[in-house]
Amino acid sequence: MIFNDIEKNLDIMGTGNLEEPVVMLNLLRYRELATEGFGVDGLSGRDAYGEYGRLFAKLHPRFGGEPIWMGKAHTTVIGLENEQWDICILVRYPSRQHFLDMVRDSEYQTISPLREAALAESRLIEMSQLLPKLEIS
């Protein structure tokens, strides 16, 4: 898995307009078996991510993270050679501040290791809307 300086990237994210809505692009590739020691022992990566998703859903009322699209990834037409993803998810947040508050929240930090245990590889990319008339349902 690629590890960036997550705190540095969150600080950079925090220099943007904190009231602007954001959509986070999640590109996910599951582990065959989840990493042990995170409460998901014996589960497939997919099932462990499902557990993370169930716990994440409980945070929705506080932080507004709403999955607006989820689909199976197929062929990477332009990208790194042999880069494969299982699932792509778009999660909308009412504001950049909502996302930043969530990832720094102690309850979220308790469940975030499940995400890492479930995934062999991932990308999380902050996006803001350029075409206001574009509706994703």
C-alpha atoms as a PDB file:
ATOM      1  CA  MET A   1       0.000   0.000   0.000  1.00  0.00           C
ATOM      2  CA  ILE A   2       1.186   3.517  -0.712  1.00  0.00           C
ATOM      3  CA  PHE A   3       1.539   5.675   2.364  1.00  0.00           C
ATOM      4  CA  ASN A   4       1.661   9.421   1.969  1.00  0.00           C
ATOM      5  CA  ASP A   5       2.147  11.856   4.790  1.00  0.00           C
ATOM      6  CA  ILE A   6      -1.562  11.823   5.608  1.00  0.00           C
ATOM      7  CA  GLU A   7      -1.384  14.561   8.245  1.00  0.00           C
ATOM      8  CA  LYS A   8       0.515  16.827   5.841  1.00  0.00           C
ATOM      9  CA  ASN A   9      -2.093  16.178   3.135  1.00  0.00           C
ATOM     10  CA  LEU A  10      -4.930  16.897   5.577  1.00  0.00           C
ATOM     11  CA  ASP A  11      -3.209  20.168   6.521  1.00  0.00           C
ATOM     12  CA  ILE A  12      -2.999  21.065   2.811  1.00  0.00           C
ATOM     13  CA  MET A  13      -6.665  20.141   2.401  1.00  0.00           C
ATOM     14  CA  GLY A  14      -7.424  22.466   5.318  1.00  0.00           C
ATOM     15  CA  THR A  15      -6.025  25.450   3.411  1.00  0.00           C
ATOM     16  CA  GLY A  16      -8.954  25.235   0.998  1.00  0.00           C
ATOM     17  CA  ASN A  17     -12.365  26.810   1.495  1.00  0.00           C
ATOM     18  CA  LEU A  18     -13.568  24.960   4.595  1.00  0.00           C
ATOM     19  CA  GLU A  19     -17.231  25.606   3.763  1.00  0.00           C
ATOM     20  CA  GLU A  20     -16.996  24.169   0.231  1.00  0.00           C
ATOM     21  CA  PRO A  21     -18.736  20.801  -0.293  1.00  0.00           C
ATOM     22  CA  VAL A  22     -16.348  18.017  -1.299  1.00  0.00           C
ATOM     23  CA  VAL A  23     -16.670  14.574  -2.818  1.00  0.00           C
ATOM     24  CA  MET A  24     -14.064  11.997  -1.893  1.00  0.00           C
ATOM     25  CA  LEU A  25     -13.121   9.465  -4.564  1.00  0.00           C
ATOM     26  CA  ASN A  26     -12.273   6.107  -2.992  1.00  0.00           C
ATOM     27  CA  LEU A  27     -10.474   3.530  -5.156  1.00  0.00           C
ATOM     28  CA  LEU A  28     -10.301   0.245  -3.275  1.00  0.00           C
ATOM     29  CA  ARG A  29      -8.624  -3.131  -3.726  1.00  0.00           C
ATOM     30  CA  TYR A  30      -9.452  -5.656  -1.032  1.00  0.00           C
ATOM     31  CA  ARG A  31      -7.011  -8.010   0.652  1.00  0.00           C
ATOM     32  CA  GLU A  32      -7.792 -11.675   0.171  1.00  0.00           C
ATOM     33  CA  LEU A  33      -7.876 -11.971   3.972  1.00  0.00           C
ATOM     34  CA  ALA A  34      -8.047  -9.005   6.331  1.00  0.00           C
ATOM     35  CA  THR A  35      -4.976  -8.265   8.409  1.00  0.00           C
ATOM     36  CA  GLU A  36      -5.280  -9.894  11.820  1.00  0.00           C
ATOM     37  CA  GLY A  37      -5.390  -8.008  15.078  1.00  0.00           C
ATOM     38  CA  PHE A  38      -7.980  -5.379  14.177  1.00  0.00           C
ATOM     39  CA  GLY A  39     -11.165  -7.164  15.197  1.00  0.00           C
ATOM     40  CA  VAL A  40     -11.872  -8.610  11.751  1.00  0.00           C
ATOM     41  CA  ASP A  41      -9.731 -11.740  12.006  1.00  0.00           C
ATOM     42  CA  GLY A  42     -10.748 -14.497   9.621  1.00  0.00           C
ATOM     43  CA  LEU A  43     -12.797 -12.202   7.396  1.00  0.00           C
ATOM     44  CA  SER A  44     -12.099 -11.566   3.743  1.00  0.00           C
ATOM     45  CA  GLY A  45     -10.957  -8.051   2.935  1.00  0.00           C
ATOM     46  CA  ARG A  46     -14.331  -7.399   1.349  1.00  0.00           C
ATOM     47  CA  ASP A  47     -16.234  -8.509   4.457  1.00  0.00           C
ATOM     48  CA  ALA A  48     -13.883  -6.543   6.731  1.00  0.00           C
ATOM     49  CA  TYR A  49     -14.502  -3.439   4.610  1.00  0.00           C
ATOM     50  CA  GLY A  50     -18.219  -4.108   4.959  1.00  0.00           C
ATOM     51  CA  GLU A  51     -17.791  -4.013   8.735  1.00  0.00           C
ATOM     52  CA  TYR A  52     -15.910  -0.714   8.426  1.00  0.00           C
ATOM     53  CA  GLY A  53     -18.762   0.566   6.235  1.00  0.00           C
ATOM     54  CA  ARG A  54     -21.389  -0.383   8.819  1.00  0.00           C
ATOM     55  CA  LEU A  55     -19.473   1.462  11.541  1.00  0.00           C
ATOM     56  CA  PHE A  56     -18.817   4.417   9.216  1.00  0.00           C
ATOM     57  CA  ALA A  57     -22.566   4.695   8.544  1.00  0.00           C
ATOM     58  CA  LYS A  58     -23.128   5.419  12.240  1.00  0.00           C
ATOM     59  CA  LEU A  59     -20.942   8.523  11.879  1.00  0.00           C
ATOM     60  CA  HIS A  60     -23.016   9.867   8.975  1.00  0.00           C
ATOM     61  CA  PRO A  61     -25.401  11.942  11.104  1.00  0.00           C
ATOM     62  CA  ARG A  62     -22.476  13.824  12.719  1.00  0.00           C
ATOM     63  CA  PHE A  63     -20.274  14.382   9.683  1.00  0.00           C
ATOM     64  CA  GLY A  64     -22.576  14.023   6.696  1.00  0.00           C
ATOM     65  CA  GLY A  65     -20.441  11.518   4.778  1.00  0.00           C
ATOM     66  CA  GLU A  66     -22.974  10.235   2.254  1.00  0.00           C
ATOM     67  CA  PRO A  67     -22.044   7.619  -0.358  1.00  0.00           C
ATOM     68  CA  ILE A  68     -23.569   8.930  -3.574  1.00  0.00           C
ATOM     69  CA  TRP A  69     -22.208   6.322  -6.000  1.00  0.00           C
ATOM     70  CA  MET A  70     -20.566   2.926  -5.696  1.00  0.00           C
ATOM     71  CA  GLY A  71     -19.592   0.570  -8.462  1.00  0.00           C
ATOM     72  CA  LYS A  72     -17.374  -2.286  -9.502  1.00  0.00           C
ATOM     73  CA  ALA A  73     -14.141  -1.249 -11.184  1.00  0.00           C
ATOM     74  CA  HIS A  74     -13.253  -2.872 -14.472  1.00  0.00           C
ATOM     75  CA  THR A  75     -10.434  -1.988 -16.860  1.00  0.00           C
ATOM     76  CA  THR A  76      -7.976   0.793 -16.047  1.00  0.00           C
ATOM     77  CA  VAL A  77      -7.628   2.381 -19.479  1.00  0.00           C
ATOM     78  CA  ILE A  78      -5.167   5.091 -18.390  1.00  0.00           C
ATOM     79  CA  GLY A  79      -3.224   4.488 -15.208  1.00  0.00           C
ATOM     80  CA  LEU A  80      -0.351   2.584 -13.710  1.00  0.00           C
ATOM     81  CA  GLU A  81       0.439  -0.748 -15.331  1.00  0.00           C
ATOM     82  CA  ASN A  82      -1.369  -3.614 -13.579  1.00  0.00           C
ATOM     83  CA  GLU A  83      -3.227  -1.198 -11.273  1.00  0.00           C
ATOM     84  CA  GLN A  84      -6.514  -2.897 -10.453  1.00  0.00           C
ATOM     85  CA  TRP A  85      -9.397  -1.787  -8.250  1.00  0.00           C
ATOM     86  CA  ASP A  86     -12.311  -3.787  -6.909  1.00  0.00           C
ATOM     87  CA  ILE A  87     -14.654  -0.949  -6.011  1.00  0.00           C
ATOM     88  CA  CYS A  88     -14.957   2.804  -6.583  1.00  0.00           C
ATOM     89  CA  ILE A  89     -17.010   4.917  -4.176  1.00  0.00           C
ATOM     90  CA  LEU A  90     -17.919   8.597  -4.263  1.00  0.00           C
ATOM     91  CA  VAL A  91     -18.695  10.018  -0.809  1.00  0.00           C
ATOM     92  CA  ARG A  92     -20.100  13.533  -0.534  1.00  0.00           C
ATOM     93  CA  TYR A  93     -19.470  15.744   2.517  1.00  0.00           C
ATOM     94  CA  PRO A  94     -21.415  18.960   3.180  1.00  0.00           C
ATOM     95  CA  SER A  95     -18.108  20.787   3.586  1.00  0.00           C
ATOM     96  CA  ARG A  96     -14.360  20.229   3.591  1.00  0.00           C
ATOM     97  CA  GLN A  97     -14.502  20.992   7.336  1.00  0.00           C
ATOM     98  CA  HIS A  98     -16.941  18.102   7.897  1.00  0.00           C
ATOM     99  CA  PHE A  99     -14.467  15.670   6.339  1.00  0.00           C
ATOM    100  CA  LEU A 100     -11.508  17.079   8.276  1.00  0.00           C
ATOM    101  CA  ASP A 101     -13.455  16.943  11.537  1.00  0.00           C
ATOM    102  CA  MET A 102     -14.404  13.333  10.850  1.00  0.00           C
ATOM    103  CA  VAL A 103     -10.917  11.987  10.150  1.00  0.00           C
ATOM    104  CA  ARG A 104      -9.588  13.697  13.274  1.00  0.00           C
ATOM    105  CA  ASP A 105     -12.485  12.480  15.443  1.00  0.00           C
ATOM    106  CA  SER A 106     -11.556   9.873  18.065  1.00  0.00           C
ATOM    107  CA  GLU A 107     -14.511   7.625  17.155  1.00  0.00           C
ATOM    108  CA  TYR A 108     -13.488   7.617  13.490  1.00  0.00           C
ATOM    109  CA  GLN A 109      -9.871   6.952  14.440  1.00  0.00           C
ATOM    110  CA  THR A 110     -11.096   3.895  16.351  1.00  0.00           C
ATOM    111  CA  ILE A 111     -12.670   2.385  13.219  1.00  0.00           C
ATOM    112  CA  SER A 112     -10.170   3.550  10.581  1.00  0.00           C
ATOM    113  CA  PRO A 113      -7.767   0.635  11.263  1.00  0.00           C
ATOM    114  CA  LEU A 114     -10.512  -1.684   9.940  1.00  0.00           C
ATOM    115  CA  ARG A 115     -10.229   0.095   6.596  1.00  0.00           C
ATOM    116  CA  GLU A 116      -6.485  -0.509   6.486  1.00  0.00           C
ATOM    117  CA  ALA A 117      -6.916  -4.136   7.590  1.00  0.00           C
ATOM    118  CA  ALA A 118      -9.389  -4.703   4.743  1.00  0.00           C
ATOM    119  CA  LEU A 119      -7.489  -3.072   1.896  1.00  0.00           C
ATOM    120  CA  ALA A 120      -4.445  -4.188  -0.052  1.00  0.00           C
ATOM    121  CA  GLU A 121      -4.380  -0.860  -1.897  1.00  0.00           C
ATOM    122  CA  SER A 122      -6.423   2.317  -1.937  1.00  0.00           C
ATOM    123  CA  ARG A 123      -6.569   5.902  -3.072  1.00  0.00           C
ATOM    124  CA  LEU A 124      -8.557   8.688  -1.438  1.00  0.00           C
ATOM    125  CA  ILE A 125      -8.831  11.808  -3.573  1.00  0.00           C
ATOM    126  CA  GLU A 126     -10.531  15.066  -2.581  1.00  0.00           C
ATOM    127  CA  MET A 127     -12.638  16.600  -5.342  1.00  0.00           C
ATOM    128  CA  SER A 128     -14.766  19.709  -5.717  1.00  0.00           C
ATOM    129  CA  GLN A 129     -17.459  20.229  -8.292  1.00  0.00           C
ATOM    130  CA  LEU A 130     -16.678  22.336 -11.366  1.00  0.00           C
ATOM    131  CA  LEU A 131     -19.949  21.954 -13.213  1.00  0.00           C
ATOM    132  CA  PRO A 132     -22.703  23.118 -10.833  1.00  0.00           C
ATOM    133  CA  LYS A 133     -25.442  21.798 -13.130  1.00  0.00           C
ATOM    134  CA  LEU A 134     -24.080  18.256 -13.060  1.00  0.00           C
ATOM    135  CA  GLU A 135     -26.299  16.081 -10.892  1.00  0.00           C
ATOM    136  CA  ILE A 136     -25.098  12.698  -9.650  1.00  0.00           C
ATOM    137  CA  SER A 137     -27.867  10.527  -8.292  1.00  0.00           C
END
